[in-house]
Amino acid sequence: MERQPSFEGGERREHESRPEIYEFNPTDRIHLGIIGAMMGDDDLLIDPHTARLIAEVVRTDTTPALDLYAETGQLAGSVAYQELMRLRADPAVNEVHTEWLGWLSQYWLSVERQYTEQRETSNSGEREHRYEPQVYVTDLESLERRIYHSLWVDADQPAADIEADVTALLSSSPTVGAKRWVVSAHKDFAGLDMSGFQSAEIISRIARGIREHGAPFAVWATIAGVDDLGRLDRFSDFYLASYASLEDWVREVAADLEWDKHLDEVIDPQVRKYVAIDYGRFAADAVERWDVVRGHDDRIHVFLR
């Protein structure tokens, strides 16, 4: 299911500064995610972070799989579906939560199909997914009056164009003098949670980076943070490569360094056949010196520190 960027080893450097982040009431965030799905132009799907928030709100002490999904974004197979269906059939669950569970079920089924298609595409050597990031911008003054006034905006355009779209939204607001806005839902950001952002410049830079570089840039955004946009722009200076697995990466490093050739040269041929490189140990040591992250696309992305 929906995978968040996760570090394979080493110390993850957290960025405590998240500029201009609006904190949603969970119910408002879920309602806006659902409205955004209904107002979208294609698949009627909630975004991944709305899905996780629904799981967080409806989970109980008897739903460990839903708890896992809420915490990590990972689905525990059929067990999670059984828990979801049990909750939907429970007369004690209120009508609103039952509706939310329906949206969550639809999202899970869609993402499973997407992963199947991605695996088939990868195996056939076809072109990788083309990211087209969008944000669902909400009028905050109206939201505070319990009025949902929002608009889907292409995020991979210059900041000035995003601001022009936002200005058009606020100009048509049912609340006179509306000036504040926030991202309440999003699409195609390769696992990044853009909810709460209020900076057109940050949104534009991240979206355009993902459009150009794909999932590796989303991973880079989690490493670089958004408090220093100059560092965010230095993706090409730090990005090394992406791999199907951690072992593929360390084996390529060892091959580039010609370790097997060196072993052939210094070890007696009678002994050489019993000597092998411990790639697992090498990987454990290597991740202390590079940022090694499993991205939304389930590939390993490697960056210099």
Protein backbone atom coordinates (compact mmCIF):
# COMPACT_ATOMS: atom_id res chain seq x y z
CA MET A 1 0.00 0.00 0.00
CA GLU A 2 0.99 3.64 0.29
CA ARG A 3 4.65 3.74 1.20
CA GLN A 4 6.32 6.65 2.93
CA PRO A 5 10.03 7.39 2.45
CA SER A 6 11.89 5.31 5.05
CA PHE A 7 15.57 5.33 5.93
CA GLU A 8 17.27 1.95 5.58
CA GLY A 9 19.97 2.85 8.08
CA GLY A 10 22.11 5.57 9.56
CA GLU A 11 20.74 8.57 11.40
CA ARG A 12 17.85 10.42 9.86
CA ARG A 13 18.28 14.17 10.23
CA GLU A 14 14.96 15.70 11.23
CA HIS A 15 14.10 19.22 10.15
CA GLU A 16 12.08 20.83 12.94
CA SER A 17 11.31 23.96 10.93
CA ARG A 18 8.30 23.55 8.61
CA PRO A 19 7.45 27.04 7.37
CA GLU A 20 3.83 28.16 7.24
CA ILE A 21 2.20 24.85 8.15
CA TYR A 22 -1.47 24.96 9.07
CA GLU A 23 -2.69 22.40 11.62
CA PHE A 24 -6.03 20.93 10.60
CA ASN A 25 -8.77 19.59 12.80
CA PRO A 26 -8.77 15.86 11.79
CA THR A 27 -12.47 15.91 10.88
CA ASP A 28 -12.03 18.98 8.66
CA ARG A 29 -8.99 17.42 7.01
CA ILE A 30 -10.92 14.23 6.20
CA HIS A 31 -13.97 16.13 4.93
CA LEU A 32 -11.76 18.29 2.70
CA GLY A 33 -9.94 15.20 1.40
CA ILE A 34 -13.25 13.60 0.46
CA ILE A 35 -14.62 16.78 -1.12
CA GLY A 36 -11.36 17.12 -3.04
CA ALA A 37 -11.80 13.57 -4.34
CA MET A 38 -15.36 14.33 -5.47
CA MET A 39 -14.25 17.57 -7.14
CA GLY A 40 -11.28 15.95 -8.91
CA ASP A 41 -11.31 15.37 -12.63
CA ASP A 42 -10.68 11.65 -12.76
CA ASP A 43 -10.62 8.83 -10.24
CA LEU A 44 -12.70 9.90 -7.20
CA LEU A 45 -9.92 8.83 -4.86
CA ILE A 46 -8.90 10.41 -1.58
CA ASP A 47 -5.23 11.27 -1.18
CA PRO A 48 -2.91 8.94 0.80
CA HIS A 49 -2.77 11.11 3.90
CA THR A 50 -6.55 11.42 4.10
CA ALA A 51 -6.60 7.62 3.94
CA ARG A 52 -4.17 7.28 6.84
CA LEU A 53 -6.04 9.88 8.88
CA ILE A 54 -9.31 7.96 8.42
CA ALA A 55 -7.56 4.83 9.70
CA GLU A 56 -6.23 6.78 12.68
CA VAL A 57 -9.67 8.13 13.59
CA VAL A 58 -11.66 4.88 13.22
CA ARG A 59 -9.15 2.35 14.59
CA THR A 60 -9.91 0.57 17.86
CA ASP A 61 -8.10 -1.69 20.31
CA THR A 62 -9.18 -4.68 18.17
CA THR A 63 -7.87 -3.41 14.82
CA PRO A 64 -4.07 -3.86 14.85
CA ALA A 65 -3.83 -3.84 11.05
CA LEU A 66 -5.63 -0.49 10.81
CA ASP A 67 -3.34 0.78 13.57
CA LEU A 68 -0.30 -0.30 11.52
CA TYR A 69 -1.65 1.45 8.43
CA ALA A 70 -2.36 4.66 10.35
CA GLU A 71 1.17 4.70 11.80
CA THR A 72 3.21 3.57 8.78
CA GLY A 73 1.05 3.57 5.66
CA GLN A 74 1.65 -0.17 5.22
CA LEU A 75 -1.24 -2.57 4.73
CA ALA A 76 -1.24 -5.96 6.45
CA GLY A 77 -2.87 -7.79 3.55
CA SER A 78 -6.26 -9.41 3.94
CA VAL A 79 -6.25 -8.87 7.73
CA ALA A 80 -6.71 -5.11 7.25
CA TYR A 81 -9.59 -5.67 4.81
CA GLN A 82 -11.26 -8.01 7.31
CA GLU A 83 -10.98 -5.38 10.04
CA LEU A 84 -12.35 -2.69 7.73
CA MET A 85 -15.32 -4.80 6.64
CA ARG A 86 -16.05 -5.74 10.25
CA LEU A 87 -16.13 -2.07 11.24
CA ARG A 88 -18.38 -1.16 8.30
CA ALA A 89 -20.85 -3.88 9.38
CA ASP A 90 -20.77 -2.84 13.06
CA PRO A 91 -24.04 -1.03 13.98
CA ALA A 92 -22.15 0.78 16.76
CA VAL A 93 -20.03 2.63 14.18
CA ASN A 94 -21.64 5.94 13.30
CA GLU A 95 -22.84 6.77 9.80
CA VAL A 96 -20.07 9.27 9.08
CA HIS A 97 -17.30 6.82 9.99
CA THR A 98 -18.99 4.13 7.90
CA GLU A 99 -18.89 6.49 4.91
CA TRP A 100 -15.22 7.23 5.57
CA LEU A 101 -14.43 3.52 5.66
CA GLY A 102 -16.01 3.18 2.23
CA TRP A 103 -13.64 5.82 0.86
CA LEU A 104 -10.71 4.09 2.54
CA SER A 105 -11.64 0.73 1.02
CA GLN A 106 -11.93 2.28 -2.46
CA TYR A 107 -8.52 3.92 -2.04
CA TRP A 108 -6.84 0.68 -0.93
CA LEU A 109 -8.22 -1.26 -3.90
CA SER A 110 -7.05 1.41 -6.33
CA VAL A 111 -3.54 1.62 -4.90
CA GLU A 112 -3.17 -2.17 -5.00
CA ARG A 113 -4.03 -2.05 -8.70
CA GLN A 114 -1.49 0.72 -9.21
CA TYR A 115 1.28 -1.29 -7.53
CA THR A 116 0.44 -4.30 -9.69
CA GLU A 117 0.65 -2.13 -12.80
CA GLN A 118 3.93 -0.59 -11.61
CA ARG A 119 5.48 -4.02 -11.10
CA GLU A 120 4.33 -5.14 -14.54
CA THR A 121 5.68 -1.91 -16.08
CA SER A 122 9.00 -2.38 -14.30
CA ASN A 123 9.27 -5.99 -15.49
CA SER A 124 8.45 -5.05 -19.07
CA GLY A 125 10.94 -2.20 -19.15
CA GLU A 126 8.30 0.40 -19.98
CA ARG A 127 8.62 4.03 -19.00
CA GLU A 128 8.22 4.84 -15.30
CA HIS A 129 5.26 6.73 -13.86
CA ARG A 130 5.00 10.36 -14.95
CA TYR A 131 4.21 12.55 -11.94
CA GLU A 132 1.74 15.42 -12.35
CA PRO A 133 1.43 16.95 -8.86
CA GLN A 134 -1.71 18.86 -7.89
CA VAL A 135 -2.83 20.57 -4.68
CA TYR A 136 -6.35 21.20 -3.41
CA VAL A 137 -6.30 24.78 -2.12
CA THR A 138 -8.86 25.77 0.53
CA ASP A 139 -10.10 29.23 1.55
CA LEU A 140 -9.31 29.39 5.29
CA GLU A 141 -11.67 32.24 6.21
CA SER A 142 -14.57 30.26 4.76
CA LEU A 143 -13.40 27.04 6.38
CA GLU A 144 -13.54 28.73 9.78
CA ARG A 145 -17.21 29.48 9.03
CA ARG A 146 -17.76 25.77 8.18
CA ILE A 147 -17.98 26.60 4.46
CA TYR A 148 -15.85 24.46 2.14
CA HIS A 149 -14.57 26.64 -0.71
CA SER A 150 -11.64 25.05 -2.53
CA LEU A 151 -9.95 24.54 -5.91
CA TRP A 152 -7.62 21.99 -7.51
CA VAL A 153 -4.43 23.70 -8.75
CA ASP A 154 -1.59 22.32 -10.87
CA ALA A 155 1.37 22.41 -8.50
CA ASP A 156 4.16 22.03 -11.06
CA GLN A 157 3.81 25.57 -12.39
CA PRO A 158 5.74 28.70 -11.37
CA ALA A 159 4.90 30.08 -7.94
CA ALA A 160 3.43 33.23 -9.48
CA ASP A 161 0.93 31.12 -11.46
CA ILE A 162 -0.07 29.19 -8.33
CA GLU A 163 -0.59 32.51 -6.55
CA ALA A 164 -2.76 33.71 -9.45
CA ASP A 165 -4.96 30.61 -9.11
CA VAL A 166 -5.19 31.17 -5.35
CA THR A 167 -6.13 34.82 -5.90
CA ALA A 168 -8.93 33.71 -8.23
CA LEU A 169 -10.20 31.30 -5.56
CA LEU A 170 -10.18 33.93 -2.83
CA SER A 171 -11.77 36.53 -5.10
CA SER A 172 -14.78 34.23 -5.50
CA SER A 173 -14.93 33.43 -1.78
CA PRO A 174 -18.32 33.48 -0.01
CA THR A 175 -16.45 35.25 2.80
CA VAL A 176 -15.84 38.92 2.10
CA GLY A 177 -12.19 39.90 2.30
CA ALA A 178 -10.85 36.35 2.36
CA LYS A 179 -7.03 36.39 2.19
CA ARG A 180 -5.77 33.16 3.75
CA TRP A 181 -5.48 29.76 2.09
CA VAL A 182 -4.00 26.33 2.72
CA VAL A 183 -3.34 23.04 0.92
CA SER A 184 -5.95 20.59 2.24
CA ALA A 185 -5.36 17.64 -0.13
CA HIS A 186 -2.97 16.70 -2.92
CA LYS A 187 -2.18 14.23 -5.70
CA ASP A 188 0.95 12.69 -7.16
CA PHE A 189 3.59 13.97 -4.71
CA ALA A 190 5.33 10.56 -4.47
CA GLY A 191 4.44 9.97 -0.83
CA LEU A 192 5.03 13.50 0.53
CA ASP A 193 2.36 15.04 2.75
CA MET A 194 1.73 18.55 1.43
CA SER A 195 -1.30 19.20 3.64
CA GLY A 196 -1.04 22.43 5.61
CA PHE A 197 1.44 24.18 3.32
CA GLN A 198 0.70 27.85 2.60
CA SER A 199 3.70 28.82 0.48
CA ALA A 200 3.32 28.83 -3.31
CA GLU A 201 7.11 28.93 -3.67
CA ILE A 202 7.67 25.75 -1.62
CA ILE A 203 4.81 23.94 -3.36
CA SER A 204 6.11 24.90 -6.79
CA ARG A 205 9.71 23.88 -6.13
CA ILE A 206 8.80 20.50 -4.68
CA ALA A 207 6.23 19.75 -7.40
CA ARG A 208 8.55 20.75 -10.24
CA GLY A 209 11.35 18.68 -8.75
CA ILE A 210 9.08 15.63 -8.56
CA ARG A 211 7.83 16.20 -12.10
CA GLU A 212 11.43 16.29 -13.37
CA HIS A 213 13.12 13.67 -11.18
CA GLY A 214 10.25 11.54 -9.86
CA ALA A 215 10.28 9.72 -6.52
CA PRO A 216 13.99 10.41 -5.80
CA PHE A 217 13.22 14.13 -5.47
CA ALA A 218 10.42 13.44 -3.00
CA VAL A 219 12.95 11.50 -0.94
CA TRP A 220 15.42 14.38 -1.23
CA ALA A 221 12.74 16.77 0.09
CA THR A 222 12.45 14.65 3.25
CA ILE A 223 16.23 14.84 3.69
CA ALA A 224 16.80 18.49 2.79
CA GLY A 225 13.67 19.90 4.38
CA VAL A 226 12.00 23.12 3.25
CA ASP A 227 13.50 25.65 5.64
CA ASP A 228 16.45 26.12 3.24
CA LEU A 229 15.21 26.23 -0.37
CA GLY A 230 18.76 26.67 -1.61
CA ARG A 231 19.61 23.21 -0.26
CA LEU A 232 16.41 21.79 -1.72
CA ASP A 233 17.54 22.99 -5.15
CA ARG A 234 20.82 21.05 -4.83
CA PHE A 235 19.27 17.66 -5.58
CA SER A 236 21.74 16.94 -8.40
CA ASP A 237 24.72 17.64 -6.14
CA PHE A 238 23.71 14.98 -3.62
CA TYR A 239 21.76 12.33 -5.56
CA LEU A 240 23.81 9.27 -6.57
CA ALA A 241 21.44 6.64 -7.97
CA SER A 242 18.40 4.44 -7.37
CA TYR A 243 18.22 0.64 -7.05
CA ALA A 244 15.68 -2.13 -6.81
CA SER A 245 17.15 -3.29 -3.50
CA LEU A 246 19.77 -2.48 -0.90
CA GLU A 247 21.80 -5.50 -2.03
CA ASP A 248 21.82 -4.25 -5.64
CA TRP A 249 23.34 -1.01 -4.44
CA VAL A 250 26.13 -2.51 -2.33
CA ARG A 251 26.98 -5.06 -5.03
CA GLU A 252 27.35 -2.25 -7.57
CA VAL A 253 29.62 -0.33 -5.19
CA ALA A 254 31.74 -3.44 -4.65
CA ALA A 255 31.93 -4.06 -8.40
CA ASP A 256 33.01 -0.46 -9.05
CA LEU A 257 35.75 -0.86 -6.46
CA GLU A 258 36.77 -4.20 -8.04
CA TRP A 259 36.83 -6.00 -4.71
CA ASP A 260 36.45 -9.46 -6.25
CA LYS A 261 39.40 -8.76 -8.54
CA HIS A 262 41.51 -7.65 -5.58
CA LEU A 263 40.60 -10.80 -3.67
CA ASP A 264 41.63 -12.90 -6.69
CA GLU A 265 45.01 -11.18 -6.69
CA VAL A 266 45.88 -11.51 -2.99
CA ILE A 267 44.31 -14.82 -1.93
CA ASP A 268 45.62 -18.27 -2.80
CA PRO A 269 43.38 -19.83 -5.51
CA GLN A 270 42.84 -22.90 -3.33
CA VAL A 271 41.47 -20.67 -0.57
CA ARG A 272 39.73 -18.09 -2.75
CA LYS A 273 36.66 -20.23 -3.41
CA TYR A 274 35.91 -20.18 0.33
CA VAL A 275 36.19 -16.40 0.66
CA ALA A 276 33.16 -14.20 -0.06
CA ILE A 277 32.27 -10.59 0.57
CA ASP A 278 29.75 -10.09 3.38
CA TYR A 279 27.40 -7.77 1.52
CA GLY A 280 24.98 -7.58 4.45
CA ARG A 281 27.70 -6.30 6.76
CA PHE A 282 28.93 -3.95 4.05
CA ALA A 283 25.39 -2.54 3.65
CA ALA A 284 25.07 -2.01 7.41
CA ASP A 285 28.35 -0.08 7.46
CA ALA A 286 27.65 1.86 4.25
CA VAL A 287 24.32 3.31 5.34
CA GLU A 288 26.17 5.12 8.13
CA ARG A 289 27.96 7.21 5.50
CA TRP A 290 25.20 7.83 2.94
CA ASP A 291 21.51 8.69 3.18
CA VAL A 292 19.82 5.50 1.96
CA VAL A 293 16.06 5.81 1.67
CA ARG A 294 13.31 3.52 0.41
CA GLY A 295 10.95 5.76 -1.51
CA HIS A 296 7.28 5.79 -2.38
CA ASP A 297 8.14 3.77 -5.49
CA ASP A 298 9.63 1.00 -3.28
CA ARG A 299 13.11 1.62 -4.72
CA ILE A 300 16.27 2.45 -2.80
CA HIS A 301 17.51 6.01 -3.36
CA VAL A 302 21.07 6.93 -2.33
CA PHE A 303 22.36 10.41 -1.50
CA LEU A 304 25.65 11.87 -0.36
CA ARG A 305 25.78 13.44 3.08
